[in-house]
Amino acid sequence: MYTPPFNRADDETELRDFAAAVRVGWLATSRAGAPPAATLLPFVWTGDTVVAHFARANPHWREIDDDTPALLIVTGPDAYVSPSWYPAKAEHGKVVPTWNYSAVHLTGTARVHDDPEWLRAAVTELTDHHEGRRAEPWHVSDAPDSYVEGQLRGIVGVEITVTGVEGKAKLSQNRSDADRTGVVEGLRADGRPGDLGVAEAMAASLARE
């Protein structure tokens, strides 16, 4: 991950919170002699382990041997930044467009799991994680056991042992506070979902400084 010093995010607790809030990421792997493959997967990251699963019909999992190098890319909101939002434009005009975003990259090794007990435990963990914030969460045990067993036959688990974590928050930290405030106001005025997410992240970053 290319990360200028002013965009680097190093606090692992914050990176874990970010990944837990996004809850889904692109798993990319590459095996010698095969083209790179990538799949968007819901996941749970606990300790140094990420748990997820593929649809069995997805050929990606067949490209994963034990300890295959893997990259999980977790991205948050992103947005185009217009130079017209910078007060500096009126001062000297030396401004250009950019794109703001936040991301976490987890690197490590992947292996697949096809054991029914492992799969049931993984699906239960994923479900509890994603349903946990709901007032009346759904549980795997709510469905008939025979139905769950049939669904488990349609998936293959994947486990990633995380060996490296990198975080980046590109939120115009290289601009003046006035320019950054102008971007926040511009993004809020445009009002697109990604724009609003970036605006809130930028506002929080400004408030912490």
N, C-alpha and C. Protein backbone atom coordinates (compact mmCIF):
# COMPACT_ATOMS: atom_id res chain seq x y z
N MET A 1 0.86 -1.20 0.00
CA MET A 1 0.00 0.00 0.00
C MET A 1 0.89 1.24 0.00
N TYR A 2 0.68 2.12 -0.99
CA TYR A 2 1.41 3.39 -1.02
C TYR A 2 0.79 4.32 0.01
N THR A 3 1.59 4.74 1.00
CA THR A 3 1.05 5.54 2.09
C THR A 3 2.01 6.66 2.47
N PRO A 4 1.79 7.88 2.00
CA PRO A 4 2.58 9.01 2.48
C PRO A 4 2.44 9.14 3.99
N PRO A 5 3.46 9.68 4.66
CA PRO A 5 3.42 9.75 6.13
C PRO A 5 2.17 10.40 6.69
N PHE A 6 1.65 11.45 6.03
CA PHE A 6 0.49 12.16 6.59
C PHE A 6 -0.81 11.40 6.38
N ASN A 7 -0.78 10.31 5.58
CA ASN A 7 -1.98 9.49 5.38
C ASN A 7 -1.93 8.17 6.14
N ARG A 8 -0.82 7.90 6.81
CA ARG A 8 -0.66 6.60 7.46
C ARG A 8 -1.54 6.49 8.69
N ALA A 9 -2.20 5.32 8.82
CA ALA A 9 -3.01 5.01 10.00
C ALA A 9 -2.37 3.83 10.70
N ASP A 10 -1.89 4.04 11.93
CA ASP A 10 -1.10 3.01 12.62
C ASP A 10 -1.79 2.39 13.83
N ASP A 11 -2.83 3.02 14.34
CA ASP A 11 -3.47 2.53 15.56
C ASP A 11 -4.25 1.25 15.25
N GLU A 12 -3.78 0.10 15.74
CA GLU A 12 -4.41 -1.17 15.37
C GLU A 12 -5.84 -1.26 15.88
N THR A 13 -6.10 -0.69 17.06
CA THR A 13 -7.48 -0.72 17.56
C THR A 13 -8.41 0.01 16.60
N GLU A 14 -7.97 1.17 16.09
CA GLU A 14 -8.79 1.92 15.14
C GLU A 14 -8.93 1.17 13.83
N LEU A 15 -7.87 0.49 13.39
CA LEU A 15 -7.95 -0.28 12.15
C LEU A 15 -8.91 -1.45 12.30
N ARG A 16 -8.89 -2.10 13.45
CA ARG A 16 -9.81 -3.21 13.70
C ARG A 16 -11.26 -2.70 13.76
N ASP A 17 -11.45 -1.54 14.41
CA ASP A 17 -12.79 -0.96 14.47
C ASP A 17 -13.28 -0.59 13.07
N PHE A 18 -12.38 -0.06 12.26
CA PHE A 18 -12.73 0.30 10.88
C PHE A 18 -13.16 -0.94 10.11
N ALA A 19 -12.35 -2.01 10.18
CA ALA A 19 -12.67 -3.24 9.45
C ALA A 19 -13.97 -3.85 9.96
N ALA A 20 -14.19 -3.81 11.27
CA ALA A 20 -15.42 -4.37 11.84
C ALA A 20 -16.64 -3.58 11.39
N ALA A 21 -16.48 -2.26 11.19
CA ALA A 21 -17.60 -1.44 10.75
C ALA A 21 -17.92 -1.67 9.28
N VAL A 22 -16.89 -1.87 8.45
CA VAL A 22 -17.11 -2.13 7.02
C VAL A 22 -17.68 -3.53 6.82
N ARG A 23 -17.08 -4.53 7.46
CA ARG A 23 -17.60 -5.90 7.54
C ARG A 23 -17.45 -6.73 6.28
N VAL A 24 -16.88 -6.17 5.22
CA VAL A 24 -16.73 -6.91 3.98
C VAL A 24 -15.46 -6.43 3.28
N GLY A 25 -14.79 -7.33 2.57
CA GLY A 25 -13.55 -6.94 1.91
C GLY A 25 -13.27 -7.80 0.69
N TRP A 26 -12.36 -7.34 -0.15
CA TRP A 26 -11.95 -8.08 -1.34
C TRP A 26 -10.77 -8.97 -0.97
N LEU A 27 -10.96 -10.28 -1.07
CA LEU A 27 -9.87 -11.23 -0.87
C LEU A 27 -9.21 -11.49 -2.21
N ALA A 28 -7.93 -11.17 -2.31
CA ALA A 28 -7.17 -11.36 -3.55
C ALA A 28 -6.05 -12.36 -3.31
N THR A 29 -5.92 -13.33 -4.20
CA THR A 29 -4.85 -14.31 -4.13
C THR A 29 -4.28 -14.53 -5.52
N SER A 30 -3.06 -15.05 -5.57
CA SER A 30 -2.43 -15.35 -6.85
C SER A 30 -1.58 -16.59 -6.68
N ARG A 31 -1.78 -17.55 -7.58
CA ARG A 31 -1.01 -18.78 -7.55
C ARG A 31 -0.21 -18.87 -8.83
N ALA A 32 1.01 -19.36 -8.74
CA ALA A 32 1.88 -19.46 -9.92
C ALA A 32 1.17 -20.21 -11.04
N GLY A 33 1.19 -19.62 -12.23
CA GLY A 33 0.58 -20.26 -13.38
C GLY A 33 -0.89 -19.97 -13.55
N ALA A 34 -1.49 -19.25 -12.61
CA ALA A 34 -2.92 -18.93 -12.69
C ALA A 34 -3.10 -17.42 -12.61
N PRO A 35 -4.13 -16.89 -13.26
CA PRO A 35 -4.37 -15.44 -13.15
C PRO A 35 -4.79 -15.08 -11.73
N PRO A 36 -4.51 -13.84 -11.28
CA PRO A 36 -4.96 -13.41 -9.96
C PRO A 36 -6.48 -13.52 -9.86
N ALA A 37 -6.96 -13.81 -8.64
CA ALA A 37 -8.40 -13.92 -8.41
C ALA A 37 -8.77 -13.04 -7.22
N ALA A 38 -9.98 -12.48 -7.25
CA ALA A 38 -10.46 -11.65 -6.16
C ALA A 38 -11.95 -11.88 -5.96
N THR A 39 -12.39 -11.93 -4.70
CA THR A 39 -13.80 -12.14 -4.37
C THR A 39 -14.16 -11.26 -3.19
N LEU A 40 -15.32 -10.60 -3.26
CA LEU A 40 -15.81 -9.80 -2.15
C LEU A 40 -16.48 -10.72 -1.14
N LEU A 41 -16.00 -10.69 0.12
CA LEU A 41 -16.48 -11.62 1.14
C LEU A 41 -16.78 -10.89 2.46
N PRO A 42 -17.93 -11.17 3.08
CA PRO A 42 -18.11 -10.77 4.48
C PRO A 42 -17.12 -11.55 5.34
N PHE A 43 -16.63 -10.93 6.42
CA PHE A 43 -15.60 -11.60 7.21
C PHE A 43 -15.69 -11.19 8.67
N VAL A 44 -14.99 -11.97 9.49
CA VAL A 44 -14.76 -11.61 10.89
C VAL A 44 -13.26 -11.69 11.13
N TRP A 45 -12.70 -10.64 11.74
CA TRP A 45 -11.27 -10.58 12.06
C TRP A 45 -11.12 -10.63 13.57
N THR A 46 -10.52 -11.72 14.07
CA THR A 46 -10.31 -11.91 15.50
C THR A 46 -8.85 -12.30 15.73
N GLY A 47 -8.16 -11.55 16.58
CA GLY A 47 -6.74 -11.84 16.82
C GLY A 47 -5.97 -11.72 15.52
N ASP A 48 -5.28 -12.80 15.14
CA ASP A 48 -4.54 -12.78 13.88
C ASP A 48 -5.21 -13.66 12.83
N THR A 49 -6.52 -13.86 12.97
CA THR A 49 -7.25 -14.75 12.06
C THR A 49 -8.47 -14.05 11.46
N VAL A 50 -8.64 -14.22 10.16
CA VAL A 50 -9.84 -13.77 9.45
C VAL A 50 -10.59 -15.01 8.98
N VAL A 51 -11.90 -15.02 9.20
CA VAL A 51 -12.74 -16.14 8.77
C VAL A 51 -13.79 -15.62 7.78
N ALA A 52 -13.97 -16.36 6.68
CA ALA A 52 -14.96 -16.01 5.66
C ALA A 52 -15.34 -17.29 4.93
N HIS A 53 -16.16 -17.16 3.89
CA HIS A 53 -16.47 -18.36 3.09
C HIS A 53 -16.85 -17.97 1.67
N PHE A 54 -16.58 -18.90 0.74
CA PHE A 54 -16.93 -18.77 -0.66
C PHE A 54 -18.19 -19.57 -0.96
N ALA A 55 -18.91 -19.19 -2.02
CA ALA A 55 -19.86 -20.10 -2.63
C ALA A 55 -19.05 -21.23 -3.27
N ARG A 56 -19.50 -22.48 -3.09
CA ARG A 56 -18.75 -23.60 -3.65
C ARG A 56 -18.61 -23.47 -5.17
N ALA A 57 -19.58 -22.84 -5.82
CA ALA A 57 -19.53 -22.69 -7.27
C ALA A 57 -18.48 -21.68 -7.73
N ASN A 58 -17.97 -20.87 -6.80
CA ASN A 58 -16.95 -19.88 -7.13
C ASN A 58 -15.60 -20.60 -7.31
N PRO A 59 -14.98 -20.54 -8.48
CA PRO A 59 -13.74 -21.27 -8.70
C PRO A 59 -12.54 -20.71 -7.94
N HIS A 60 -12.70 -19.53 -7.34
CA HIS A 60 -11.56 -18.90 -6.66
C HIS A 60 -10.95 -19.81 -5.60
N TRP A 61 -11.80 -20.47 -4.81
CA TRP A 61 -11.27 -21.25 -3.69
C TRP A 61 -10.38 -22.39 -4.16
N ARG A 62 -10.59 -22.86 -5.38
CA ARG A 62 -9.75 -23.95 -5.90
C ARG A 62 -8.33 -23.49 -6.21
N GLU A 63 -8.13 -22.19 -6.27
CA GLU A 63 -6.80 -21.64 -6.52
C GLU A 63 -6.01 -21.43 -5.22
N ILE A 64 -6.61 -21.80 -4.08
CA ILE A 64 -5.97 -21.57 -2.79
C ILE A 64 -5.47 -22.89 -2.22
N ASP A 65 -4.16 -23.00 -2.07
CA ASP A 65 -3.54 -24.11 -1.37
C ASP A 65 -3.27 -23.68 0.06
N ASP A 66 -2.82 -24.61 0.90
CA ASP A 66 -2.43 -24.21 2.26
C ASP A 66 -1.31 -23.20 2.19
N ASP A 67 -1.48 -22.10 2.93
CA ASP A 67 -0.48 -21.03 3.03
C ASP A 67 -0.29 -20.27 1.72
N THR A 68 -1.34 -20.18 0.92
CA THR A 68 -1.30 -19.32 -0.27
C THR A 68 -1.25 -17.86 0.17
N PRO A 69 -0.32 -17.05 -0.37
CA PRO A 69 -0.29 -15.62 -0.02
C PRO A 69 -1.63 -14.96 -0.34
N ALA A 70 -2.08 -14.09 0.56
CA ALA A 70 -3.40 -13.49 0.42
C ALA A 70 -3.37 -12.03 0.84
N LEU A 71 -4.25 -11.25 0.22
CA LEU A 71 -4.44 -9.84 0.57
C LEU A 71 -5.93 -9.59 0.71
N LEU A 72 -6.34 -9.09 1.87
CA LEU A 72 -7.73 -8.70 2.09
C LEU A 72 -7.79 -7.18 2.12
N ILE A 73 -8.56 -6.60 1.18
CA ILE A 73 -8.66 -5.16 1.05
C ILE A 73 -10.01 -4.70 1.59
N VAL A 74 -9.96 -3.87 2.63
CA VAL A 74 -11.18 -3.36 3.26
C VAL A 74 -11.23 -1.87 3.00
N THR A 75 -12.28 -1.42 2.33
CA THR A 75 -12.37 0.00 1.97
C THR A 75 -13.61 0.64 2.58
N GLY A 76 -13.45 1.90 2.95
CA GLY A 76 -14.56 2.68 3.46
C GLY A 76 -15.11 3.60 2.38
N PRO A 77 -15.84 4.65 2.76
CA PRO A 77 -16.38 5.59 1.78
C PRO A 77 -15.26 6.28 1.01
N ASP A 78 -15.53 6.63 -0.24
CA ASP A 78 -14.57 7.38 -1.04
C ASP A 78 -15.31 8.46 -1.80
N ALA A 79 -14.59 9.50 -2.22
CA ALA A 79 -15.26 10.62 -2.87
C ALA A 79 -14.29 11.45 -3.69
N TYR A 80 -14.79 11.98 -4.79
CA TYR A 80 -14.07 12.95 -5.61
C TYR A 80 -14.01 14.28 -4.86
N VAL A 81 -12.85 14.93 -4.91
CA VAL A 81 -12.67 16.23 -4.26
C VAL A 81 -12.42 17.27 -5.34
N SER A 82 -13.32 18.22 -5.44
CA SER A 82 -13.19 19.29 -6.44
C SER A 82 -12.28 20.40 -5.92
N PRO A 83 -11.35 20.88 -6.74
CA PRO A 83 -10.50 22.00 -6.30
C PRO A 83 -11.28 23.29 -6.08
N SER A 84 -12.51 23.35 -6.59
CA SER A 84 -13.32 24.55 -6.38
C SER A 84 -13.73 24.72 -4.93
N TRP A 85 -13.57 23.66 -4.12
CA TRP A 85 -13.94 23.74 -2.71
C TRP A 85 -12.83 24.34 -1.84
N TYR A 86 -11.63 24.49 -2.40
CA TYR A 86 -10.51 25.03 -1.63
C TYR A 86 -10.54 26.56 -1.63
N PRO A 87 -10.51 27.20 -0.46
CA PRO A 87 -10.32 28.65 -0.46
C PRO A 87 -9.03 29.05 -1.18
N ALA A 88 -8.05 28.15 -1.20
CA ALA A 88 -6.77 28.44 -1.87
C ALA A 88 -6.95 28.69 -3.36
N LYS A 89 -8.02 28.19 -3.95
CA LYS A 89 -8.26 28.41 -5.38
C LYS A 89 -8.38 29.90 -5.67
N ALA A 90 -9.10 30.61 -4.79
CA ALA A 90 -9.27 32.05 -4.99
C ALA A 90 -8.00 32.83 -4.68
N GLU A 91 -7.12 32.23 -3.85
CA GLU A 91 -5.90 32.93 -3.46
C GLU A 91 -4.83 32.86 -4.53
N HIS A 92 -4.58 31.65 -5.07
CA HIS A 92 -3.48 31.51 -6.03
C HIS A 92 -3.79 30.56 -7.19
N GLY A 93 -4.89 29.83 -7.12
CA GLY A 93 -5.30 28.97 -8.22
C GLY A 93 -4.48 27.71 -8.41
N LYS A 94 -3.47 27.48 -7.57
CA LYS A 94 -2.60 26.32 -7.74
C LYS A 94 -3.20 25.10 -7.01
N VAL A 95 -4.29 24.60 -7.55
CA VAL A 95 -5.01 23.47 -6.95
C VAL A 95 -5.45 22.52 -8.05
N VAL A 96 -5.58 21.25 -7.71
CA VAL A 96 -6.03 20.24 -8.66
C VAL A 96 -7.00 19.29 -7.96
N PRO A 97 -7.78 18.52 -8.75
CA PRO A 97 -8.69 17.55 -8.13
C PRO A 97 -7.94 16.40 -7.48
N THR A 98 -8.62 15.69 -6.60
CA THR A 98 -8.06 14.47 -6.00
C THR A 98 -9.21 13.56 -5.61
N TRP A 99 -8.87 12.45 -4.98
CA TRP A 99 -9.87 11.48 -4.52
C TRP A 99 -9.51 11.10 -3.09
N ASN A 100 -10.47 11.21 -2.19
CA ASN A 100 -10.23 10.87 -0.79
C ASN A 100 -10.88 9.53 -0.45
N TYR A 101 -10.24 8.78 0.44
CA TYR A 101 -10.73 7.45 0.81
C TYR A 101 -9.98 6.96 2.03
N SER A 102 -10.49 5.87 2.61
CA SER A 102 -9.80 5.17 3.70
C SER A 102 -9.79 3.68 3.37
N ALA A 103 -8.72 3.00 3.79
CA ALA A 103 -8.62 1.58 3.49
C ALA A 103 -7.70 0.89 4.49
N VAL A 104 -7.94 -0.40 4.68
CA VAL A 104 -7.07 -1.25 5.49
C VAL A 104 -6.71 -2.46 4.64
N HIS A 105 -5.43 -2.79 4.61
CA HIS A 105 -4.95 -3.98 3.90
C HIS A 105 -4.44 -4.99 4.91
N LEU A 106 -4.97 -6.20 4.86
CA LEU A 106 -4.49 -7.30 5.69
C LEU A 106 -3.76 -8.27 4.77
N THR A 107 -2.50 -8.53 5.06
CA THR A 107 -1.74 -9.51 4.30
C THR A 107 -1.48 -10.73 5.16
N GLY A 108 -1.34 -11.88 4.52
CA GLY A 108 -1.09 -13.11 5.26
C GLY A 108 -1.17 -14.32 4.35
N THR A 109 -1.56 -15.43 4.91
CA THR A 109 -1.67 -16.68 4.16
C THR A 109 -3.07 -17.25 4.34
N ALA A 110 -3.57 -17.87 3.27
CA ALA A 110 -4.94 -18.40 3.28
C ALA A 110 -4.94 -19.91 3.14
N ARG A 111 -5.98 -20.52 3.69
CA ARG A 111 -6.22 -21.95 3.49
C ARG A 111 -7.73 -22.15 3.48
N VAL A 112 -8.18 -23.16 2.76
CA VAL A 112 -9.61 -23.42 2.68
C VAL A 112 -10.00 -24.52 3.65
N HIS A 113 -11.28 -24.52 4.04
CA HIS A 113 -11.83 -25.52 4.95
C HIS A 113 -13.11 -26.08 4.36
N ASP A 114 -13.23 -27.40 4.40
CA ASP A 114 -14.42 -28.06 3.86
C ASP A 114 -15.08 -28.96 4.90
N ASP A 115 -14.61 -28.89 6.14
CA ASP A 115 -15.15 -29.71 7.20
C ASP A 115 -16.49 -29.12 7.67
N PRO A 116 -17.57 -29.91 7.73
CA PRO A 116 -18.88 -29.37 8.10
C PRO A 116 -18.91 -28.68 9.46
N GLU A 117 -18.19 -29.22 10.44
CA GLU A 117 -18.20 -28.61 11.77
C GLU A 117 -17.50 -27.25 11.74
N TRP A 118 -16.39 -27.17 11.00
CA TRP A 118 -15.68 -25.89 10.89
C TRP A 118 -16.58 -24.87 10.19
N LEU A 119 -17.23 -25.31 9.14
CA LEU A 119 -18.10 -24.41 8.38
C LEU A 119 -19.27 -23.92 9.24
N ARG A 120 -19.88 -24.81 9.99
CA ARG A 120 -21.00 -24.40 10.85
C ARG A 120 -20.53 -23.38 11.89
N ALA A 121 -19.38 -23.63 12.49
CA ALA A 121 -18.85 -22.68 13.48
C ALA A 121 -18.54 -21.34 12.84
N ALA A 122 -17.98 -21.36 11.62
CA ALA A 122 -17.64 -20.11 10.93
C ALA A 122 -18.90 -19.34 10.56
N VAL A 123 -19.89 -20.04 10.02
CA VAL A 123 -21.14 -19.37 9.65
C VAL A 123 -21.85 -18.81 10.88
N THR A 124 -21.80 -19.54 11.99
CA THR A 124 -22.41 -19.06 13.22
C THR A 124 -21.70 -17.80 13.71
N GLU A 125 -20.36 -17.81 13.66
CA GLU A 125 -19.59 -16.63 14.09
C GLU A 125 -19.90 -15.43 13.20
N LEU A 126 -19.92 -15.64 11.88
CA LEU A 126 -20.22 -14.55 10.96
C LEU A 126 -21.63 -14.00 11.18
N THR A 127 -22.58 -14.91 11.34
CA THR A 127 -23.97 -14.49 11.54
C THR A 127 -24.13 -13.71 12.84
N ASP A 128 -23.56 -14.23 13.92
CA ASP A 128 -23.67 -13.54 15.20
C ASP A 128 -23.03 -12.15 15.14
N HIS A 129 -21.91 -12.07 14.39
CA HIS A 129 -21.22 -10.78 14.26
C HIS A 129 -22.08 -9.77 13.52
N HIS A 130 -22.65 -10.18 12.40
CA HIS A 130 -23.40 -9.24 11.57
C HIS A 130 -24.81 -8.99 12.07
N GLU A 131 -25.38 -9.94 12.81
CA GLU A 131 -26.73 -9.77 13.35
C GLU A 131 -26.72 -9.11 14.73
N GLY A 132 -25.55 -9.07 15.36
CA GLY A 132 -25.47 -8.66 16.75
C GLY A 132 -26.01 -7.29 17.06
N ARG A 133 -25.96 -6.37 16.09
CA ARG A 133 -26.42 -5.01 16.34
C ARG A 133 -27.93 -4.85 16.20
N ARG A 134 -28.61 -5.91 15.74
CA ARG A 134 -30.05 -5.83 15.53
C ARG A 134 -30.81 -6.08 16.83
N ALA A 135 -31.97 -5.45 16.98
CA ALA A 135 -32.77 -5.62 18.19
C ALA A 135 -33.22 -7.07 18.36
N GLU A 136 -33.56 -7.73 17.25
CA GLU A 136 -33.98 -9.13 17.29
C GLU A 136 -33.11 -9.93 16.30
N PRO A 137 -31.89 -10.25 16.70
CA PRO A 137 -30.97 -10.91 15.77
C PRO A 137 -31.42 -12.31 15.36
N TRP A 138 -31.13 -12.63 14.10
CA TRP A 138 -31.40 -13.97 13.59
C TRP A 138 -30.22 -14.86 13.95
N HIS A 139 -30.52 -16.11 14.31
CA HIS A 139 -29.48 -17.08 14.66
C HIS A 139 -29.53 -18.26 13.70
N VAL A 140 -28.38 -18.88 13.48
CA VAL A 140 -28.33 -20.06 12.61
C VAL A 140 -29.31 -21.12 13.10
N SER A 141 -29.44 -21.24 14.40
CA SER A 141 -30.33 -22.25 14.98
C SER A 141 -31.80 -21.95 14.72
N ASP A 142 -32.13 -20.76 14.20
CA ASP A 142 -33.53 -20.44 13.89
C ASP A 142 -34.02 -21.22 12.67
N ALA A 143 -33.10 -21.65 11.82
CA ALA A 143 -33.47 -22.40 10.62
C ALA A 143 -33.44 -23.90 10.92
N PRO A 144 -34.25 -24.70 10.20
CA PRO A 144 -34.21 -26.16 10.41
C PRO A 144 -32.81 -26.71 10.18
N ASP A 145 -32.40 -27.64 11.03
CA ASP A 145 -31.05 -28.16 10.96
C ASP A 145 -30.75 -28.79 9.60
N SER A 146 -31.73 -29.51 9.05
CA SER A 146 -31.51 -30.15 7.76
C SER A 146 -31.30 -29.10 6.65
N TYR A 147 -31.99 -27.98 6.78
CA TYR A 147 -31.83 -26.89 5.80
C TYR A 147 -30.43 -26.28 5.92
N VAL A 148 -29.98 -26.05 7.15
CA VAL A 148 -28.64 -25.49 7.37
C VAL A 148 -27.58 -26.43 6.80
N GLU A 149 -27.74 -27.73 7.05
CA GLU A 149 -26.77 -28.70 6.52
C GLU A 149 -26.70 -28.63 5.00
N GLY A 150 -27.85 -28.47 4.36
CA GLY A 150 -27.86 -28.34 2.91
C GLY A 150 -27.15 -27.08 2.44
N GLN A 151 -27.37 -25.97 3.15
CA GLN A 151 -26.71 -24.73 2.79
C GLN A 151 -25.20 -24.81 2.98
N LEU A 152 -24.77 -25.52 4.02
CA LEU A 152 -23.34 -25.66 4.28
C LEU A 152 -22.65 -26.43 3.17
N ARG A 153 -23.38 -27.34 2.53
CA ARG A 153 -22.78 -28.09 1.42
C ARG A 153 -22.52 -27.20 0.20
N GLY A 154 -23.11 -26.01 0.21
CA GLY A 154 -22.95 -25.10 -0.92
C GLY A 154 -21.86 -24.07 -0.73
N ILE A 155 -21.08 -24.18 0.37
CA ILE A 155 -20.02 -23.20 0.62
C ILE A 155 -18.72 -23.89 0.97
N VAL A 156 -17.64 -23.13 0.89
CA VAL A 156 -16.30 -23.58 1.29
C VAL A 156 -15.71 -22.47 2.15
N GLY A 157 -15.17 -22.84 3.30
CA GLY A 157 -14.62 -21.84 4.20
C GLY A 157 -13.22 -21.41 3.81
N VAL A 158 -12.84 -20.22 4.25
CA VAL A 158 -11.47 -19.75 4.06
C VAL A 158 -11.01 -19.08 5.34
N GLU A 159 -9.79 -19.38 5.72
CA GLU A 159 -9.17 -18.82 6.93
C GLU A 159 -7.87 -18.14 6.53
N ILE A 160 -7.71 -16.90 6.95
CA ILE A 160 -6.50 -16.13 6.65
C ILE A 160 -5.75 -15.89 7.94
N THR A 161 -4.49 -16.29 7.97
CA THR A 161 -3.61 -15.96 9.08
C THR A 161 -2.94 -14.63 8.76
N VAL A 162 -3.26 -13.61 9.53
CA VAL A 162 -2.81 -12.26 9.24
C VAL A 162 -1.38 -12.06 9.75
N THR A 163 -0.50 -11.63 8.86
CA THR A 163 0.89 -11.37 9.23
C THR A 163 1.25 -9.89 9.11
N GLY A 164 0.41 -9.11 8.46
CA GLY A 164 0.69 -7.68 8.31
C GLY A 164 -0.58 -6.88 8.18
N VAL A 165 -0.57 -5.67 8.75
CA VAL A 165 -1.74 -4.77 8.69
C VAL A 165 -1.24 -3.38 8.31
N GLU A 166 -1.87 -2.79 7.28
CA GLU A 166 -1.55 -1.43 6.88
C GLU A 166 -2.85 -0.65 6.75
N GLY A 167 -2.83 0.59 7.22
CA GLY A 167 -4.00 1.43 7.12
C GLY A 167 -3.68 2.76 6.47
N LYS A 168 -4.63 3.28 5.71
CA LYS A 168 -4.45 4.57 5.05
C LYS A 168 -5.74 5.37 5.13
N ALA A 169 -5.62 6.63 5.53
CA ALA A 169 -6.75 7.54 5.54
C ALA A 169 -6.35 8.77 4.74
N LYS A 170 -6.74 8.82 3.49
CA LYS A 170 -6.42 9.96 2.61
C LYS A 170 -7.56 10.96 2.73
N LEU A 171 -7.38 11.93 3.62
CA LEU A 171 -8.45 12.86 3.98
C LEU A 171 -7.98 14.31 3.86
N SER A 172 -7.17 14.59 2.85
CA SER A 172 -6.67 15.95 2.58
C SER A 172 -5.81 16.50 3.72
N GLN A 173 -5.10 15.59 4.43
CA GLN A 173 -4.28 16.06 5.55
C GLN A 173 -3.13 16.97 5.10
N ASN A 174 -2.80 16.94 3.80
CA ASN A 174 -1.73 17.79 3.29
C ASN A 174 -2.22 19.20 2.94
N ARG A 175 -3.51 19.46 3.13
CA ARG A 175 -4.07 20.78 2.85
C ARG A 175 -4.22 21.57 4.15
N SER A 176 -4.44 22.87 4.02
CA SER A 176 -4.68 23.72 5.19
C SER A 176 -6.02 23.37 5.84
N ASP A 177 -6.18 23.78 7.09
CA ASP A 177 -7.46 23.54 7.76
C ASP A 177 -8.60 24.20 6.99
N ALA A 178 -8.35 25.38 6.42
CA ALA A 178 -9.40 26.08 5.68
C ALA A 178 -9.80 25.28 4.44
N ASP A 179 -8.82 24.73 3.74
CA ASP A 179 -9.13 23.92 2.55
C ASP A 179 -9.87 22.66 2.95
N ARG A 180 -9.46 22.03 4.04
CA ARG A 180 -10.11 20.79 4.48
C ARG A 180 -11.56 21.07 4.89
N THR A 181 -11.77 22.20 5.58
CA THR A 181 -13.12 22.57 5.95
C THR A 181 -13.97 22.84 4.70
N GLY A 182 -13.36 23.44 3.70
CA GLY A 182 -14.06 23.68 2.45
C GLY A 182 -14.47 22.39 1.77
N VAL A 183 -13.61 21.38 1.84
CA VAL A 183 -13.95 20.08 1.25
C VAL A 183 -15.11 19.44 2.01
N VAL A 184 -15.06 19.49 3.34
CA VAL A 184 -16.16 18.93 4.15
C VAL A 184 -17.48 19.59 3.76
N GLU A 185 -17.47 20.90 3.64
CA GLU A 185 -18.71 21.61 3.28
C GLU A 185 -19.17 21.24 1.87
N GLY A 186 -18.21 21.12 0.94
CA GLY A 186 -18.56 20.77 -0.43
C GLY A 186 -19.13 19.37 -0.54
N LEU A 187 -18.52 18.42 0.17
CA LEU A 187 -19.02 17.05 0.15
C LEU A 187 -20.41 16.96 0.75
N ARG A 188 -20.62 17.67 1.85
CA ARG A 188 -21.94 17.66 2.49
C ARG A 188 -22.98 18.28 1.56
N ALA A 189 -22.61 19.31 0.84
CA ALA A 189 -23.55 19.96 -0.07
C ALA A 189 -23.92 19.05 -1.23
N ASP A 190 -22.93 18.28 -1.73
CA ASP A 190 -23.22 17.34 -2.82
C ASP A 190 -24.13 16.22 -2.34
N GLY A 191 -23.87 15.73 -1.12
CA GLY A 191 -24.81 14.83 -0.46
C GLY A 191 -24.88 13.40 -0.93
N ARG A 192 -23.95 12.95 -1.78
CA ARG A 192 -23.97 11.54 -2.17
C ARG A 192 -23.52 10.68 -1.00
N PRO A 193 -23.97 9.41 -0.92
CA PRO A 193 -23.62 8.57 0.24
C PRO A 193 -22.13 8.49 0.52
N GLY A 194 -21.32 8.23 -0.50
CA GLY A 194 -19.88 8.16 -0.29
C GLY A 194 -19.31 9.50 0.14
N ASP A 195 -19.83 10.59 -0.46
CA ASP A 195 -19.36 11.93 -0.11
C ASP A 195 -19.59 12.22 1.37
N LEU A 196 -20.78 11.86 1.87
CA LEU A 196 -21.10 12.14 3.26
C LEU A 196 -20.22 11.35 4.21
N GLY A 197 -19.91 10.09 3.84
CA GLY A 197 -19.03 9.29 4.68
C GLY A 197 -17.63 9.89 4.78
N VAL A 198 -17.10 10.36 3.65
CA VAL A 198 -15.79 10.99 3.65
C VAL A 198 -15.83 12.30 4.42
N ALA A 199 -16.89 13.07 4.25
CA ALA A 199 -17.02 14.33 4.97
C ALA A 199 -16.98 14.11 6.48
N GLU A 200 -17.69 13.08 6.96
CA GLU A 200 -17.69 12.81 8.40
C GLU A 200 -16.32 12.36 8.88
N ALA A 201 -15.63 11.55 8.07
CA ALA A 201 -14.29 11.10 8.45
C ALA A 201 -13.34 12.29 8.50
N MET A 202 -13.45 13.21 7.53
CA MET A 202 -12.59 14.40 7.53
C MET A 202 -12.90 15.31 8.70
N ALA A 203 -14.18 15.48 9.01
CA ALA A 203 -14.56 16.33 10.15
C ALA A 203 -14.02 15.76 11.45
N ALA A 204 -14.09 14.43 11.60
CA ALA A 204 -13.57 13.78 12.80
C ALA A 204 -12.05 13.95 12.88
N SER A 205 -11.37 13.83 11.72
CA SER A 205 -9.92 14.00 11.71
C SER A 205 -9.53 15.42 12.10
N LEU A 206 -10.26 16.40 11.59
CA LEU A 206 -9.99 17.80 11.97
C LEU A 206 -10.22 18.03 13.45
N ALA A 207 -11.26 17.42 14.00
CA ALA A 207 -11.60 17.62 15.41
C ALA A 207 -10.53 17.04 16.33
N ARG A 208 -9.87 15.96 15.86
CA ARG A 208 -8.84 15.33 16.70
C ARG A 208 -7.55 16.12 16.73
N GLU A 209 -7.33 17.02 15.80
CA GLU A 209 -6.05 17.74 15.69
C GLU A 209 -6.06 19.04 16.49
